[in-house]
Protein backbone atom coordinates (compact mmCIF):
# COMPACT_ATOMS: atom_id res chain seq x y z
CA MET A 1 59.10 9.07 -32.95
CA VAL A 2 55.89 10.04 -34.70
CA LYS A 3 54.50 6.42 -34.06
CA LYS A 4 55.18 7.04 -30.31
CA ILE A 5 53.35 10.40 -30.39
CA ILE A 6 50.39 8.88 -32.32
CA ILE A 7 50.24 5.89 -29.75
CA LEU A 8 50.52 8.12 -26.81
CA CYS A 9 47.69 10.45 -28.10
CA LEU A 10 45.53 7.42 -28.72
CA ILE A 11 46.06 5.99 -25.20
CA ILE A 12 45.43 9.44 -23.74
CA SER A 13 42.15 9.83 -25.55
CA PHE A 14 40.98 6.44 -24.64
CA LEU A 15 41.79 7.08 -20.93
CA GLY A 16 39.72 10.21 -21.17
CA VAL A 17 36.74 8.71 -22.70
CA GLY A 18 36.90 5.16 -21.36
CA CYS A 19 34.51 5.39 -18.33
CA SER A 20 30.72 5.15 -18.76
CA PRO A 21 28.43 7.72 -16.67
CA PRO A 22 27.41 6.50 -13.26
CA LYS A 23 24.08 4.85 -12.78
CA PHE A 24 21.34 7.14 -11.69
CA ILE A 25 19.75 5.88 -8.54
CA PRO A 26 16.79 7.94 -7.19
CA LYS A 27 16.11 8.08 -3.35
CA GLU A 28 13.47 5.50 -2.22
CA PRO A 29 10.54 7.18 -0.33
CA PRO A 30 9.37 5.50 2.85
CA ILE A 31 6.81 2.68 2.46
CA VAL A 32 3.87 2.93 4.65
CA GLN A 33 2.45 -0.36 5.96
CA PHE A 34 -1.18 -0.85 7.22
CA GLU A 35 -2.92 -3.76 8.74
CA ARG A 36 -6.38 -4.50 7.80
CA THR A 37 -8.99 -3.19 10.45
CA PRO A 38 -10.91 -6.20 11.93
CA TYR A 39 -14.53 -6.20 11.65
CA TYR A 40 -16.80 -5.10 14.55
CA LYS A 41 -18.88 -7.66 16.45
CA ALA A 42 -21.52 -6.50 18.88
CA ASP A 43 -21.05 -7.47 22.45
CA LEU A 44 -24.46 -7.64 24.24
CA THR A 45 -22.95 -8.63 27.66
CA THR A 46 -22.29 -5.06 28.73
CA ILE A 47 -26.06 -3.94 28.35
CA ILE A 48 -27.76 -3.47 31.67
CA GLN A 49 -30.80 -5.71 31.92
CA PRO A 50 -33.97 -4.75 34.04
CA GLU A 51 -34.96 -6.95 36.93
CA LYS A 52 -36.03 -10.48 36.19
CA PRO A 53 -39.80 -10.96 36.83
CA VAL A 54 -40.85 -13.02 39.74
CA TYR A 55 -43.13 -15.92 38.50
CA LEU A 56 -44.54 -19.17 39.78
CA TRP A 57 -44.86 -22.44 38.00
CA THR A 58 -48.11 -24.30 38.65
CA ASP A 59 -49.88 -27.45 37.62
CA GLU A 60 -53.40 -27.65 36.03
CA ASN A 61 -54.88 -26.97 39.46
CA PHE A 62 -52.85 -23.88 39.91
CA LYS A 63 -50.82 -25.46 42.73
CA PRO A 64 -47.08 -24.56 42.82
CA THR A 65 -44.87 -27.29 41.32
CA SER A 66 -41.48 -27.85 39.78
CA ILE A 67 -40.60 -26.41 36.36
CA ASN A 68 -40.66 -29.90 34.80
CA ASP A 69 -44.16 -30.84 36.07
CA ALA A 70 -45.57 -27.30 35.41
CA LYS A 71 -48.34 -26.73 33.12
CA TYR A 72 -48.81 -22.94 33.61
CA LEU A 73 -46.66 -19.99 34.44
CA VAL A 74 -48.20 -17.53 36.77
CA LEU A 75 -47.21 -13.76 36.76
CA THR A 76 -48.77 -10.69 38.64
CA LYS A 77 -49.54 -7.64 36.55
CA LYS A 78 -46.36 -5.92 37.72
CA GLU A 79 -44.23 -8.92 36.92
CA PHE A 80 -45.85 -9.42 33.62
CA ALA A 81 -45.00 -5.82 32.68
CA LYS A 82 -41.35 -6.54 33.50
CA PHE A 83 -41.42 -9.48 31.19
CA VAL A 84 -42.96 -7.56 28.30
CA ALA A 85 -40.59 -4.67 28.98
CA GLN A 86 -37.63 -7.19 28.77
CA LEU A 87 -38.89 -8.46 25.53
CA LYS A 88 -39.32 -5.12 23.96
CA ILE A 89 -35.85 -3.87 25.10
CA LYS A 90 -34.27 -7.12 23.87
CA GLU A 91 -35.88 -6.78 20.43
CA THR A 92 -34.90 -3.10 20.20
CA PHE A 93 -31.45 -3.71 21.16
CA LYS A 94 -31.11 -6.51 18.74
CA GLU A 95 -32.44 -4.29 15.90
CA ILE A 96 -30.21 -1.34 16.85
CA ILE A 97 -27.11 -3.31 17.28
CA GLY A 98 -27.66 -5.18 14.00
CA LYS A 99 -27.87 -1.86 12.23
CA GLN A 100 -24.87 -0.44 14.12
CA GLU A 101 -22.82 -3.54 13.20
CA VAL A 102 -23.65 -3.14 9.53
CA LEU A 103 -22.85 0.73 9.66
CA ILE A 104 -19.61 0.21 11.49
CA ASN A 105 -18.51 -2.80 9.11
CA THR A 106 -19.28 -0.60 6.10
CA ASN A 107 -16.94 2.16 7.58
CA ILE A 108 -14.29 -0.48 8.28
CA ASP A 109 -14.56 -1.71 4.70
CA ILE A 110 -14.11 2.05 3.52
CA ILE A 111 -11.00 2.33 5.84
CA ASN A 112 -9.56 -1.04 4.42
CA SER A 113 -10.23 0.16 0.88
CA LEU A 114 -8.41 3.40 1.61
CA LYS A 115 -5.51 1.46 2.88
CA GLU A 116 -5.43 -0.73 -0.23
CA TYR A 117 -5.63 2.51 -2.27
CA VAL A 118 -2.57 3.88 -0.54
CA LYS A 119 -0.69 0.61 -1.18
CA LEU A 120 -1.66 0.77 -4.95
CA GLU A 121 -0.57 4.54 -4.93
CA GLN A 122 2.86 3.52 -3.54
CA MET A 123 3.19 0.69 -6.20
CA LYS A 124 2.35 3.13 -8.88
CA ALA A 125 4.90 5.64 -7.55
CA LYS A 126 7.55 2.90 -7.46
CA GLU A 127 6.85 1.94 -10.98
CA TYR A 128 6.91 5.49 -12.07
CA ARG A 129 10.31 6.08 -10.32
CA ASP A 130 11.55 2.84 -11.91
CA LEU A 131 10.59 4.13 -15.50
CA TRP A 132 12.11 7.53 -14.67
CA THR A 133 15.35 5.87 -13.57
CA ASP A 134 15.52 3.77 -16.66
CA SER A 135 14.86 6.89 -18.81
CA GLU A 136 17.36 8.84 -17.03
CA ASN A 137 20.01 6.12 -17.28
CA ALA A 138 19.26 5.60 -20.97
CA TYR A 139 19.64 9.39 -21.50
CA ARG A 140 22.87 9.55 -19.71
CA GLN A 141 24.28 6.57 -21.63
CA GLU A 142 23.09 8.05 -24.88
CA LYS A 143 24.74 11.47 -23.88
CA TYR A 144 27.97 9.52 -22.96
CA TYR A 145 27.98 7.77 -26.38
CA SER A 146 27.29 11.20 -28.13
CA GLU A 147 30.10 12.83 -26.47
CA LEU A 148 32.46 9.79 -27.21
CA ASN A 149 31.32 9.95 -30.76
CA ASN A 150 32.07 13.71 -30.90
CA ILE A 151 35.36 13.25 -29.28
CA MET A 152 36.43 10.51 -31.68
CA MET A 153 35.29 12.41 -34.76
CA LYS A 154 37.20 15.48 -33.59
CA GLY A 155 40.19 13.25 -33.05
CA PHE A 156 39.92 11.62 -36.40
CA LEU A 157 39.30 14.96 -38.06
CA GLY A 158 42.29 16.41 -36.11
CA PHE A 159 44.47 13.21 -37.08
CA ILE A 160 43.36 13.68 -40.76
CA SER A 161 44.19 17.48 -40.65
CA ILE A 162 47.61 16.86 -39.12
CA GLY A 163 48.29 14.02 -41.55
CA ALA A 164 47.24 16.31 -44.51
CA LEU A 165 49.47 19.24 -43.10
CA VAL A 166 52.46 16.74 -42.76
CA ALA A 167 51.79 15.40 -46.27
CA LEU A 168 51.51 19.02 -47.64
CA ILE A 169 54.74 19.86 -45.84
CA ILE A 170 56.57 16.82 -47.12
CA ALA A 171 55.19 17.55 -50.74
CA LEU A 172 56.64 21.03 -50.75
């Protein structure tokens, strides 16, 4: 009879402490995805150009001829001014557009760097969450083993106390 009670108590105590704590799984935050911003390339085709100058191709005697046989290009004062204006506009546009392209691409580099920074921050946050999860799981496992140890110690002390009481009662 006493053996059955002891075996029953042991089985009940193992059933009560036989399960480990559940794994701690934190909620995953959303992952933000970015695509790199492409570099800017200036398009000069949309710029309005002034009228083309009217000119005349001539030979060495200043007689009109074809472009292949021409030795001179004749322009009136007004047409020469158009030609010079076109050259100045072209040079100015090239200079401005070159500087704009550098400035815009620098801003694009900054934007892409910020996107990479966000990605690195997300990776850092994920690693921190993983460390936190590991720490929390280790804490829960340690707490479980500590509680199990306490229950076993109390059970053994109770068993020894009951055994001592039984031995004392038998001895009297």
